[in-house]
Amino acid sequence: AGNYRVAVHPLEKNSTGTYQITLEAVR
Protein backbone atom coordinates (compact mmCIF):
# COMPACT_ATOMS: atom_id res chain seq x y z
CA ALA A 1 0.00 0.00 0.00
CA GLY A 2 1.16 3.53 -0.66
CA ASN A 3 1.40 6.40 -3.09
CA TYR A 4 2.51 5.37 -6.59
CA ARG A 5 3.97 7.83 -9.08
CA VAL A 6 3.71 8.07 -12.86
CA ALA A 7 6.16 10.23 -14.83
CA VAL A 8 5.57 11.51 -18.36
CA HIS A 9 8.34 13.00 -20.48
CA PRO A 10 8.90 13.64 -24.21
CA LEU A 11 10.76 10.90 -26.03
CA GLU A 12 13.14 13.37 -27.66
CA LYS A 13 14.91 16.27 -26.04
CA ASN A 14 13.62 19.75 -26.86
CA SER A 15 10.36 18.45 -28.32
CA THR A 16 6.97 19.72 -27.16
CA GLY A 17 3.32 18.87 -27.65
CA THR A 18 0.19 18.17 -25.66
CA TYR A 19 -1.14 15.02 -24.05
CA GLN A 20 -3.96 14.07 -21.71
CA ILE A 21 -3.44 11.65 -18.85
CA THR A 22 -6.30 9.77 -17.16
CA LEU A 23 -6.40 7.42 -14.19
CA GLU A 24 -8.98 5.05 -15.66
CA ALA A 25 -9.24 2.62 -12.75
CA VAL A 26 -7.80 1.41 -9.45
CA ARG A 27 -9.37 -1.94 -8.60
mmCIF file of all heavy atoms, coordinates in Angstrom:
data_MODEL
# 
_entry.id   MODEL 
# 
loop_
_atom_site.group_PDB 
_atom_site.id 
_atom_site.type_symbol 
_atom_site.label_atom_id 
_atom_site.label_alt_id 
_atom_site.label_comp_id 
_atom_site.label_asym_id 
_atom_site.label_entity_id 
_atom_site.label_seq_id 
_atom_site.pdbx_PDB_ins_code 
_atom_site.Cartn_x 
_atom_site.Cartn_y 
_atom_site.Cartn_z 
_atom_site.occupancy 
_atom_site.B_iso_or_equiv 
_atom_site.pdbx_formal_charge 
_atom_site.auth_seq_id 
_atom_site.auth_comp_id 
_atom_site.auth_asym_id 
_atom_site.auth_atom_id 
_atom_site.pdbx_PDB_model_num 
ATOM 1   N N   . ALA A 1 1  ? 0.836   -1.189 0.000   1.00 0.00 ? 1  ALA A N   1 
ATOM 2   C CA  . ALA A 1 1  ? 0.000   0.000  0.000   1.00 0.00 ? 1  ALA A CA  1 
ATOM 3   C C   . ALA A 1 1  ? 0.879   1.251  0.000   1.00 0.00 ? 1  ALA A C   1 
ATOM 4   O O   . ALA A 1 1  ? 1.965   1.256  0.577   1.00 0.00 ? 1  ALA A O   1 
ATOM 5   C CB  . ALA A 1 1  ? -0.910  0.004  1.220   1.00 0.00 ? 1  ALA A CB  1 
ATOM 6   N N   . GLY A 1 2  ? 0.403   2.295  -0.646  1.00 0.00 ? 2  GLY A N   1 
ATOM 7   C CA  . GLY A 1 2  ? 1.165   3.531  -0.657  1.00 0.00 ? 2  GLY A CA  1 
ATOM 8   C C   . GLY A 1 2  ? 0.835   4.395  -1.851  1.00 0.00 ? 2  GLY A C   1 
ATOM 9   O O   . GLY A 1 2  ? -0.066  4.080  -2.644  1.00 0.00 ? 2  GLY A O   1 
ATOM 10  N N   . ASN A 1 3  ? 1.578   5.481  -1.979  1.00 0.00 ? 3  ASN A N   1 
ATOM 11  C CA  . ASN A 1 3  ? 1.401   6.402  -3.092  1.00 0.00 ? 3  ASN A CA  1 
ATOM 12  C C   . ASN A 1 3  ? 2.348   6.027  -4.235  1.00 0.00 ? 3  ASN A C   1 
ATOM 13  O O   . ASN A 1 3  ? 3.565   5.989  -4.050  1.00 0.00 ? 3  ASN A O   1 
ATOM 14  C CB  . ASN A 1 3  ? 1.673   7.838  -2.646  1.00 0.00 ? 3  ASN A CB  1 
ATOM 15  C CG  . ASN A 1 3  ? 0.626   8.347  -1.687  1.00 0.00 ? 3  ASN A CG  1 
ATOM 16  O OD1 . ASN A 1 3  ? -0.560  8.013  -1.816  1.00 0.00 ? 3  ASN A OD1 1 
ATOM 17  N ND2 . ASN A 1 3  ? 1.027   9.145  -0.709  1.00 0.00 ? 3  ASN A ND2 1 
ATOM 18  N N   . TYR A 1 4  ? 1.757   5.746  -5.391  1.00 0.00 ? 4  TYR A N   1 
ATOM 19  C CA  . TYR A 1 4  ? 2.513   5.367  -6.587  1.00 0.00 ? 4  TYR A CA  1 
ATOM 20  C C   . TYR A 1 4  ? 2.607   6.572  -7.509  1.00 0.00 ? 4  TYR A C   1 
ATOM 21  O O   . TYR A 1 4  ? 1.700   7.413  -7.559  1.00 0.00 ? 4  TYR A O   1 
ATOM 22  C CB  . TYR A 1 4  ? 1.836   4.188  -7.286  1.00 0.00 ? 4  TYR A CB  1 
ATOM 23  C CG  . TYR A 1 4  ? 2.040   2.896  -6.526  1.00 0.00 ? 4  TYR A CG  1 
ATOM 24  C CD1 . TYR A 1 4  ? 1.323   2.637  -5.359  1.00 0.00 ? 4  TYR A CD1 1 
ATOM 25  C CD2 . TYR A 1 4  ? 2.962   1.950  -6.958  1.00 0.00 ? 4  TYR A CD2 1 
ATOM 26  C CE1 . TYR A 1 4  ? 1.523   1.476  -4.635  1.00 0.00 ? 4  TYR A CE1 1 
ATOM 27  C CE2 . TYR A 1 4  ? 3.167   0.780  -6.239  1.00 0.00 ? 4  TYR A CE2 1 
ATOM 28  C CZ  . TYR A 1 4  ? 2.449   0.549  -5.087  1.00 0.00 ? 4  TYR A CZ  1 
ATOM 29  O OH  . TYR A 1 4  ? 2.659   -0.606 -4.368  1.00 0.00 ? 4  TYR A OH  1 
ATOM 30  N N   . ARG A 1 5  ? 3.736   6.671  -8.214  1.00 0.00 ? 5  ARG A N   1 
ATOM 31  C CA  . ARG A 1 5  ? 3.973   7.826  -9.080  1.00 0.00 ? 5  ARG A CA  1 
ATOM 32  C C   . ARG A 1 5  ? 4.106   7.399  -10.541 1.00 0.00 ? 5  ARG A C   1 
ATOM 33  O O   . ARG A 1 5  ? 4.693   6.362  -10.855 1.00 0.00 ? 5  ARG A O   1 
ATOM 34  C CB  . ARG A 1 5  ? 5.242   8.567  -8.659  1.00 0.00 ? 5  ARG A CB  1 
ATOM 35  C CG  . ARG A 1 5  ? 5.131   9.244  -7.311  1.00 0.00 ? 5  ARG A CG  1 
ATOM 36  C CD  . ARG A 1 5  ? 6.228   10.270 -7.113  1.00 0.00 ? 5  ARG A CD  1 
ATOM 37  N NE  . ARG A 1 5  ? 7.567   9.697  -7.244  1.00 0.00 ? 5  ARG A NE  1 
ATOM 38  C CZ  . ARG A 1 5  ? 8.683   10.413 -7.243  1.00 0.00 ? 5  ARG A CZ  1 
ATOM 39  N NH1 . ARG A 1 5  ? 8.631   11.730 -7.159  1.00 0.00 ? 5  ARG A NH1 1 
ATOM 40  N NH2 . ARG A 1 5  ? 9.863   9.830  -7.344  1.00 0.00 ? 5  ARG A NH2 1 
ATOM 41  N N   . VAL A 1 6  ? 3.569   8.240  -11.403 1.00 0.00 ? 6  VAL A N   1 
ATOM 42  C CA  . VAL A 1 6  ? 3.711   8.072  -12.856 1.00 0.00 ? 6  VAL A CA  1 
ATOM 43  C C   . VAL A 1 6  ? 4.407   9.315  -13.393 1.00 0.00 ? 6  VAL A C   1 
ATOM 44  O O   . VAL A 1 6  ? 4.030   10.449 -13.040 1.00 0.00 ? 6  VAL A O   1 
ATOM 45  C CB  . VAL A 1 6  ? 2.341   7.884  -13.534 1.00 0.00 ? 6  VAL A CB  1 
ATOM 46  C CG1 . VAL A 1 6  ? 2.477   7.972  -15.051 1.00 0.00 ? 6  VAL A CG1 1 
ATOM 47  C CG2 . VAL A 1 6  ? 1.723   6.555  -13.133 1.00 0.00 ? 6  VAL A CG2 1 
ATOM 48  N N   . ALA A 1 7  ? 5.429   9.120  -14.203 1.00 0.00 ? 7  ALA A N   1 
ATOM 49  C CA  . ALA A 1 7  ? 6.165   10.229 -14.829 1.00 0.00 ? 7  ALA A CA  1 
ATOM 50  C C   . ALA A 1 7  ? 5.944   10.200 -16.341 1.00 0.00 ? 7  ALA A C   1 
ATOM 51  O O   . ALA A 1 7  ? 5.956   9.131  -16.956 1.00 0.00 ? 7  ALA A O   1 
ATOM 52  C CB  . ALA A 1 7  ? 7.649   10.120 -14.514 1.00 0.00 ? 7  ALA A CB  1 
ATOM 53  N N   . VAL A 1 8  ? 5.755   11.367 -16.909 1.00 0.00 ? 8  VAL A N   1 
ATOM 54  C CA  . VAL A 1 8  ? 5.565   11.508 -18.362 1.00 0.00 ? 8  VAL A CA  1 
ATOM 55  C C   . VAL A 1 8  ? 6.603   12.498 -18.869 1.00 0.00 ? 8  VAL A C   1 
ATOM 56  O O   . VAL A 1 8  ? 6.711   13.611 -18.355 1.00 0.00 ? 8  VAL A O   1 
ATOM 57  C CB  . VAL A 1 8  ? 4.151   12.005 -18.690 1.00 0.00 ? 8  VAL A CB  1 
ATOM 58  C CG1 . VAL A 1 8  ? 3.986   12.141 -20.206 1.00 0.00 ? 8  VAL A CG1 1 
ATOM 59  C CG2 . VAL A 1 8  ? 3.092   11.084 -18.109 1.00 0.00 ? 8  VAL A CG2 1 
ATOM 60  N N   . HIS A 1 9  ? 7.385   12.070 -19.872 1.00 0.00 ? 9  HIS A N   1 
ATOM 61  C CA  . HIS A 1 9  ? 8.340   13.004 -20.477 1.00 0.00 ? 9  HIS A CA  1 
ATOM 62  C C   . HIS A 1 9  ? 8.418   12.771 -21.974 1.00 0.00 ? 9  HIS A C   1 
ATOM 63  O O   . HIS A 1 9  ? 8.138   11.667 -22.463 1.00 0.00 ? 9  HIS A O   1 
ATOM 64  C CB  . HIS A 1 9  ? 9.730   12.881 -19.840 1.00 0.00 ? 9  HIS A CB  1 
ATOM 65  C CG  . HIS A 1 9  ? 10.425  11.575 -20.101 1.00 0.00 ? 9  HIS A CG  1 
ATOM 66  N ND1 . HIS A 1 9  ? 11.007  11.262 -21.303 1.00 0.00 ? 9  HIS A ND1 1 
ATOM 67  C CD2 . HIS A 1 9  ? 10.633  10.504 -19.292 1.00 0.00 ? 9  HIS A CD2 1 
ATOM 68  C CE1 . HIS A 1 9  ? 11.547  10.060 -21.243 1.00 0.00 ? 9  HIS A CE1 1 
ATOM 69  N NE2 . HIS A 1 9  ? 11.342  9.580  -20.035 1.00 0.00 ? 9  HIS A NE2 1 
ATOM 70  N N   . PRO A 1 10 ? 8.776   13.796 -22.753 1.00 0.00 ? 10 PRO A N   1 
ATOM 71  C CA  . PRO A 1 10 ? 8.902   13.639 -24.207 1.00 0.00 ? 10 PRO A CA  1 
ATOM 72  C C   . PRO A 1 10 ? 9.986   12.616 -24.546 1.00 0.00 ? 10 PRO A C   1 
ATOM 73  O O   . PRO A 1 10 ? 10.999  12.523 -23.837 1.00 0.00 ? 10 PRO A O   1 
ATOM 74  C CB  . PRO A 1 10 ? 9.289   15.030 -24.701 1.00 0.00 ? 10 PRO A CB  1 
ATOM 75  C CG  . PRO A 1 10 ? 8.915   15.960 -23.607 1.00 0.00 ? 10 PRO A CG  1 
ATOM 76  C CD  . PRO A 1 10 ? 9.072   15.186 -22.339 1.00 0.00 ? 10 PRO A CD  1 
ATOM 77  N N   . LEU A 1 11 ? 9.772   11.878 -25.605 1.00 0.00 ? 11 LEU A N   1 
ATOM 78  C CA  . LEU A 1 11 ? 10.760  10.897 -26.033 1.00 0.00 ? 11 LEU A CA  1 
ATOM 79  C C   . LEU A 1 11 ? 12.064  11.579 -26.435 1.00 0.00 ? 11 LEU A C   1 
ATOM 80  O O   . LEU A 1 11 ? 13.145  11.094 -26.118 1.00 0.00 ? 11 LEU A O   1 
ATOM 81  C CB  . LEU A 1 11 ? 10.212  10.082 -27.206 1.00 0.00 ? 11 LEU A CB  1 
ATOM 82  C CG  . LEU A 1 11 ? 11.166  9.061  -27.815 1.00 0.00 ? 11 LEU A CG  1 
ATOM 83  C CD1 . LEU A 1 11 ? 11.474  7.952  -26.822 1.00 0.00 ? 11 LEU A CD1 1 
ATOM 84  C CD2 . LEU A 1 11 ? 10.610  8.482  -29.103 1.00 0.00 ? 11 LEU A CD2 1 
ATOM 85  N N   . GLU A 1 12 ? 11.953  12.686 -27.149 1.00 0.00 ? 12 GLU A N   1 
ATOM 86  C CA  . GLU A 1 12 ? 13.136  13.369 -27.658 1.00 0.00 ? 12 GLU A CA  1 
ATOM 87  C C   . GLU A 1 12 ? 13.328  14.701 -26.949 1.00 0.00 ? 12 GLU A C   1 
ATOM 88  O O   . GLU A 1 12 ? 12.358  15.415 -26.656 1.00 0.00 ? 12 GLU A O   1 
ATOM 89  C CB  . GLU A 1 12 ? 13.013  13.593 -29.173 1.00 0.00 ? 12 GLU A CB  1 
ATOM 90  C CG  . GLU A 1 12 ? 12.936  12.295 -29.966 1.00 0.00 ? 12 GLU A CG  1 
ATOM 91  C CD  . GLU A 1 12 ? 12.791  12.547 -31.450 1.00 0.00 ? 12 GLU A CD  1 
ATOM 92  O OE1 . GLU A 1 12 ? 12.543  13.716 -31.821 1.00 0.00 ? 12 GLU A OE1 1 
ATOM 93  O OE2 . GLU A 1 12 ? 12.925  11.593 -32.219 1.00 0.00 ? 12 GLU A OE2 1 
ATOM 94  N N   . LYS A 1 13 ? 14.586  15.021 -26.704 1.00 0.00 ? 13 LYS A N   1 
ATOM 95  C CA  . LYS A 1 13 ? 14.910  16.272 -26.040 1.00 0.00 ? 13 LYS A CA  1 
ATOM 96  C C   . LYS A 1 13 ? 14.486  17.466 -26.898 1.00 0.00 ? 13 LYS A C   1 
ATOM 97  O O   . LYS A 1 13 ? 14.557  17.430 -28.122 1.00 0.00 ? 13 LYS A O   1 
ATOM 98  C CB  . LYS A 1 13 ? 16.424  16.318 -25.775 1.00 0.00 ? 13 LYS A CB  1 
ATOM 99  C CG  . LYS A 1 13 ? 16.869  17.496 -24.920 1.00 0.00 ? 13 LYS A CG  1 
ATOM 100 C CD  . LYS A 1 13 ? 18.360  17.392 -24.617 1.00 0.00 ? 13 LYS A CD  1 
ATOM 101 C CE  . LYS A 1 13 ? 18.818  18.555 -23.757 1.00 0.00 ? 13 LYS A CE  1 
ATOM 102 N NZ  . LYS A 1 13 ? 20.261  18.459 -23.422 1.00 0.00 ? 13 LYS A NZ  1 
ATOM 103 N N   . ASN A 1 14 ? 14.011  18.499 -26.222 1.00 0.00 ? 14 ASN A N   1 
ATOM 104 C CA  . ASN A 1 14 ? 13.619  19.753 -26.862 1.00 0.00 ? 14 ASN A CA  1 
ATOM 105 C C   . ASN A 1 14 ? 12.396  19.622 -27.762 1.00 0.00 ? 14 ASN A C   1 
ATOM 106 O O   . ASN A 1 14 ? 12.174  20.449 -28.637 1.00 0.00 ? 14 ASN A O   1 
ATOM 107 C CB  . ASN A 1 14 ? 14.778  20.361 -27.661 1.00 0.00 ? 14 ASN A CB  1 
ATOM 108 C CG  . ASN A 1 14 ? 15.964  20.700 -26.783 1.00 0.00 ? 14 ASN A CG  1 
ATOM 109 O OD1 . ASN A 1 14 ? 15.792  21.126 -25.646 1.00 0.00 ? 14 ASN A OD1 1 
ATOM 110 N ND2 . ASN A 1 14 ? 17.171  20.497 -27.306 1.00 0.00 ? 14 ASN A ND2 1 
ATOM 111 N N   . SER A 1 15 ? 11.607  18.568 -27.577 1.00 0.00 ? 15 SER A N   1 
ATOM 112 C CA  . SER A 1 15 ? 10.360  18.449 -28.317 1.00 0.00 ? 15 SER A CA  1 
ATOM 113 C C   . SER A 1 15 ? 9.205   18.807 -27.398 1.00 0.00 ? 15 SER A C   1 
ATOM 114 O O   . SER A 1 15 ? 9.290   18.641 -26.182 1.00 0.00 ? 15 SER A O   1 
ATOM 115 C CB  . SER A 1 15 ? 10.181  17.025 -28.849 1.00 0.00 ? 15 SER A CB  1 
ATOM 116 O OG  . SER A 1 15 ? 10.053  16.105 -27.782 1.00 0.00 ? 15 SER A OG  1 
ATOM 117 N N   . THR A 1 16 ? 8.138   19.335 -27.953 1.00 0.00 ? 16 THR A N   1 
ATOM 118 C CA  . THR A 1 16 ? 6.975   19.720 -27.164 1.00 0.00 ? 16 THR A CA  1 
ATOM 119 C C   . THR A 1 16 ? 5.714   19.230 -27.849 1.00 0.00 ? 16 THR A C   1 
ATOM 120 O O   . THR A 1 16 ? 5.728   18.818 -29.005 1.00 0.00 ? 16 THR A O   1 
ATOM 121 C CB  . THR A 1 16 ? 6.890   21.249 -26.995 1.00 0.00 ? 16 THR A CB  1 
ATOM 122 O OG1 . THR A 1 16 ? 6.824   21.848 -28.293 1.00 0.00 ? 16 THR A OG1 1 
ATOM 123 C CG2 . THR A 1 16 ? 8.098   21.781 -26.237 1.00 0.00 ? 16 THR A CG2 1 
ATOM 124 N N   . GLY A 1 17 ? 4.613   19.298 -27.144 1.00 0.00 ? 17 GLY A N   1 
ATOM 125 C CA  . GLY A 1 17 ? 3.325   18.868 -27.649 1.00 0.00 ? 17 GLY A CA  1 
ATOM 126 C C   . GLY A 1 17 ? 2.409   18.618 -26.468 1.00 0.00 ? 17 GLY A C   1 
ATOM 127 O O   . GLY A 1 17 ? 2.833   18.639 -25.311 1.00 0.00 ? 17 GLY A O   1 
ATOM 128 N N   . THR A 1 18 ? 1.146   18.373 -26.740 1.00 0.00 ? 18 THR A N   1 
ATOM 129 C CA  . THR A 1 18 ? 0.191   18.173 -25.663 1.00 0.00 ? 18 THR A CA  1 
ATOM 130 C C   . THR A 1 18 ? -0.161  16.694 -25.518 1.00 0.00 ? 18 THR A C   1 
ATOM 131 O O   . THR A 1 18 ? -0.023  15.901 -26.448 1.00 0.00 ? 18 THR A O   1 
ATOM 132 C CB  . THR A 1 18 ? -1.094  18.974 -25.902 1.00 0.00 ? 18 THR A CB  1 
ATOM 133 O OG1 . THR A 1 18 ? -1.703  18.524 -27.122 1.00 0.00 ? 18 THR A OG1 1 
ATOM 134 C CG2 . THR A 1 18 ? -0.797  20.457 -26.008 1.00 0.00 ? 18 THR A CG2 1 
ATOM 135 N N   . TYR A 1 19 ? -0.606  16.353 -24.336 1.00 0.00 ? 19 TYR A N   1 
ATOM 136 C CA  . TYR A 1 19 ? -1.136  15.020 -24.054 1.00 0.00 ? 19 TYR A CA  1 
ATOM 137 C C   . TYR A 1 19 ? -2.161  15.148 -22.933 1.00 0.00 ? 19 TYR A C   1 
ATOM 138 O O   . TYR A 1 19 ? -2.207  16.152 -22.211 1.00 0.00 ? 19 TYR A O   1 
ATOM 139 C CB  . TYR A 1 19 ? -0.029  14.043 -23.659 1.00 0.00 ? 19 TYR A CB  1 
ATOM 140 C CG  . TYR A 1 19 ? 0.585   14.315 -22.305 1.00 0.00 ? 19 TYR A CG  1 
ATOM 141 C CD1 . TYR A 1 19 ? 0.081   13.719 -21.150 1.00 0.00 ? 19 TYR A CD1 1 
ATOM 142 C CD2 . TYR A 1 19 ? 1.665   15.187 -22.167 1.00 0.00 ? 19 TYR A CD2 1 
ATOM 143 C CE1 . TYR A 1 19 ? 0.637   13.981 -19.905 1.00 0.00 ? 19 TYR A CE1 1 
ATOM 144 C CE2 . TYR A 1 19 ? 2.224   15.463 -20.935 1.00 0.00 ? 19 TYR A CE2 1 
ATOM 145 C CZ  . TYR A 1 19 ? 1.705   14.848 -19.797 1.00 0.00 ? 19 TYR A CZ  1 
ATOM 146 O OH  . TYR A 1 19 ? 2.244   15.116 -18.559 1.00 0.00 ? 19 TYR A OH  1 
ATOM 147 N N   . GLN A 1 20 ? -2.975  14.123 -22.796 1.00 0.00 ? 20 GLN A N   1 
ATOM 148 C CA  . GLN A 1 20 ? -3.956  14.072 -21.711 1.00 0.00 ? 20 GLN A CA  1 
ATOM 149 C C   . GLN A 1 20 ? -3.787  12.765 -20.963 1.00 0.00 ? 20 GLN A C   1 
ATOM 150 O O   . GLN A 1 20 ? -3.773  11.690 -21.575 1.00 0.00 ? 20 GLN A O   1 
ATOM 151 C CB  . GLN A 1 20 ? -5.375  14.175 -22.276 1.00 0.00 ? 20 GLN A CB  1 
ATOM 152 C CG  . GLN A 1 20 ? -6.473  14.101 -21.216 1.00 0.00 ? 20 GLN A CG  1 
ATOM 153 C CD  . GLN A 1 20 ? -7.834  14.383 -21.806 1.00 0.00 ? 20 GLN A CD  1 
ATOM 154 O OE1 . GLN A 1 20 ? -8.144  15.514 -22.185 1.00 0.00 ? 20 GLN A OE1 1 
ATOM 155 N NE2 . GLN A 1 20 ? -8.653  13.349 -21.904 1.00 0.00 ? 20 GLN A NE2 1 
ATOM 156 N N   . ILE A 1 21 ? -3.634  12.842 -19.663 1.00 0.00 ? 21 ILE A N   1 
ATOM 157 C CA  . ILE A 1 21 ? -3.439  11.645 -18.852 1.00 0.00 ? 21 ILE A CA  1 
ATOM 158 C C   . ILE A 1 21 ? -4.668  11.407 -17.990 1.00 0.00 ? 21 ILE A C   1 
ATOM 159 O O   . ILE A 1 21 ? -5.252  12.362 -17.437 1.00 0.00 ? 21 ILE A O   1 
ATOM 160 C CB  . ILE A 1 21 ? -2.168  11.748 -17.988 1.00 0.00 ? 21 ILE A CB  1 
ATOM 161 C CG1 . ILE A 1 21 ? -1.890  10.413 -17.292 1.00 0.00 ? 21 ILE A CG1 1 
ATOM 162 C CG2 . ILE A 1 21 ? -2.253  12.899 -16.992 1.00 0.00 ? 21 ILE A CG2 1 
ATOM 163 C CD1 . ILE A 1 21 ? -0.506  10.321 -16.692 1.00 0.00 ? 21 ILE A CD1 1 
ATOM 164 N N   . THR A 1 22 ? -5.098  10.137 -17.902 1.00 0.00 ? 22 THR A N   1 
ATOM 165 C CA  . THR A 1 22 ? -6.302  9.766  -17.162 1.00 0.00 ? 22 THR A CA  1 
ATOM 166 C C   . THR A 1 22 ? -6.025  8.543  -16.306 1.00 0.00 ? 22 THR A C   1 
ATOM 167 O O   . THR A 1 22 ? -5.451  7.558  -16.808 1.00 0.00 ? 22 THR A O   1 
ATOM 168 C CB  . THR A 1 22 ? -7.473  9.454  -18.116 1.00 0.00 ? 22 THR A CB  1 
ATOM 169 O OG1 . THR A 1 22 ? -7.661  10.548 -19.010 1.00 0.00 ? 22 THR A OG1 1 
ATOM 170 C CG2 . THR A 1 22 ? -8.750  9.192  -17.337 1.00 0.00 ? 22 THR A CG2 1 
ATOM 171 N N   . LEU A 1 23 ? -6.416  8.601  -15.049 1.00 0.00 ? 23 LEU A N   1 
ATOM 172 C CA  . LEU A 1 23 ? -6.401  7.418  -14.191 1.00 0.00 ? 23 LEU A CA  1 
ATOM 173 C C   . LEU A 1 23 ? -7.738  6.714  -14.408 1.00 0.00 ? 23 LEU A C   1 
ATOM 174 O O   . LEU A 1 23 ? -8.762  7.107  -13.848 1.00 0.00 ? 23 LEU A O   1 
ATOM 175 C CB  . LEU A 1 23 ? -6.205  7.814  -12.727 1.00 0.00 ? 23 LEU A CB  1 
ATOM 176 C CG  . LEU A 1 23 ? -6.183  6.667  -11.714 1.00 0.00 ? 23 LEU A CG  1 
ATOM 177 C CD1 . LEU A 1 23 ? -5.071  5.675  -12.019 1.00 0.00 ? 23 LEU A CD1 1 
ATOM 178 C CD2 . LEU A 1 23 ? -6.052  7.211  -10.287 1.00 0.00 ? 23 LEU A CD2 1 
ATOM 179 N N   . GLU A 1 24 ? -7.733  5.707  -15.257 1.00 0.00 ? 24 GLU A N   1 
ATOM 180 C CA  . GLU A 1 24 ? -8.978  5.051  -15.661 1.00 0.00 ? 24 GLU A CA  1 
ATOM 181 C C   . GLU A 1 24 ? -9.575  4.199  -14.542 1.00 0.00 ? 24 GLU A C   1 
ATOM 182 O O   . GLU A 1 24 ? -10.797 4.126  -14.386 1.00 0.00 ? 24 GLU A O   1 
ATOM 183 C CB  . GLU A 1 24 ? -8.737  4.172  -16.896 1.00 0.00 ? 24 GLU A CB  1 
ATOM 184 C CG  . GLU A 1 24 ? -8.360  4.943  -18.146 1.00 0.00 ? 24 GLU A CG  1 
ATOM 185 C CD  . GLU A 1 24 ? -9.555  5.628  -18.781 1.00 0.00 ? 24 GLU A CD  1 
ATOM 186 O OE1 . GLU A 1 24 ? -10.693 5.398  -18.324 1.00 0.00 ? 24 GLU A OE1 1 
ATOM 187 O OE2 . GLU A 1 24 ? -9.335  6.404  -19.734 1.00 0.00 ? 24 GLU A OE2 1 
ATOM 188 N N   . ALA A 1 25 ? -8.703  3.516  -13.774 1.00 0.00 ? 25 ALA A N   1 
ATOM 189 C CA  . ALA A 1 25 ? -9.240  2.617  -12.745 1.00 0.00 ? 25 ALA A CA  1 
ATOM 190 C C   . ALA A 1 25 ? -8.165  2.279  -11.727 1.00 0.00 ? 25 ALA A C   1 
ATOM 191 O O   . ALA A 1 25 ? -6.978  2.224  -12.058 1.00 0.00 ? 25 ALA A O   1 
ATOM 192 C CB  . ALA A 1 25 ? -9.771  1.327  -13.382 1.00 0.00 ? 25 ALA A CB  1 
ATOM 193 N N   . VAL A 1 26 ? -8.592  2.063  -10.488 1.00 0.00 ? 26 VAL A N   1 
ATOM 194 C CA  . VAL A 1 26 ? -7.797  1.413  -9.450  1.00 0.00 ? 26 VAL A CA  1 
ATOM 195 C C   . VAL A 1 26 ? -8.736  0.391  -8.828  1.00 0.00 ? 26 VAL A C   1 
ATOM 196 O O   . VAL A 1 26 ? -9.746  0.761  -8.231  1.00 0.00 ? 26 VAL A O   1 
ATOM 197 C CB  . VAL A 1 26 ? -7.287  2.409  -8.384  1.00 0.00 ? 26 VAL A CB  1 
ATOM 198 C CG1 . VAL A 1 26 ? -6.576  1.651  -7.259  1.00 0.00 ? 26 VAL A CG1 1 
ATOM 199 C CG2 . VAL A 1 26 ? -6.347  3.430  -8.999  1.00 0.00 ? 26 VAL A CG2 1 
ATOM 200 N N   . ARG A 1 27 ? -8.417  -0.892 -8.983  1.00 0.00 ? 27 ARG A N   1 
ATOM 201 C CA  . ARG A 1 27 ? -9.370  -1.935 -8.599  1.00 0.00 ? 27 ARG A CA  1 
ATOM 202 C C   . ARG A 1 27 ? -8.650  -3.211 -8.223  1.00 0.00 ? 27 ARG A C   1 
ATOM 203 O O   . ARG A 1 27 ? -7.422  -3.322 -8.375  1.00 0.00 ? 27 ARG A O   1 
ATOM 204 C CB  . ARG A 1 27 ? -10.328 -2.207 -9.761  1.00 0.00 ? 27 ARG A CB  1 
ATOM 205 C CG  . ARG A 1 27 ? -9.621  -2.550 -11.054 1.00 0.00 ? 27 ARG A CG  1 
ATOM 206 C CD  . ARG A 1 27 ? -10.569 -3.086 -12.098 1.00 0.00 ? 27 ARG A CD  1 
ATOM 207 N NE  . ARG A 1 27 ? -9.944  -3.277 -13.398 1.00 0.00 ? 27 ARG A NE  1 
ATOM 208 C CZ  . ARG A 1 27 ? -9.080  -4.248 -13.700 1.00 0.00 ? 27 ARG A CZ  1 
ATOM 209 N NH1 . ARG A 1 27 ? -8.722  -5.129 -12.768 1.00 0.00 ? 27 ARG A NH1 1 
ATOM 210 N NH2 . ARG A 1 27 ? -8.572  -4.354 -14.912 1.00 0.00 ? 27 ARG A NH2 1 
# 
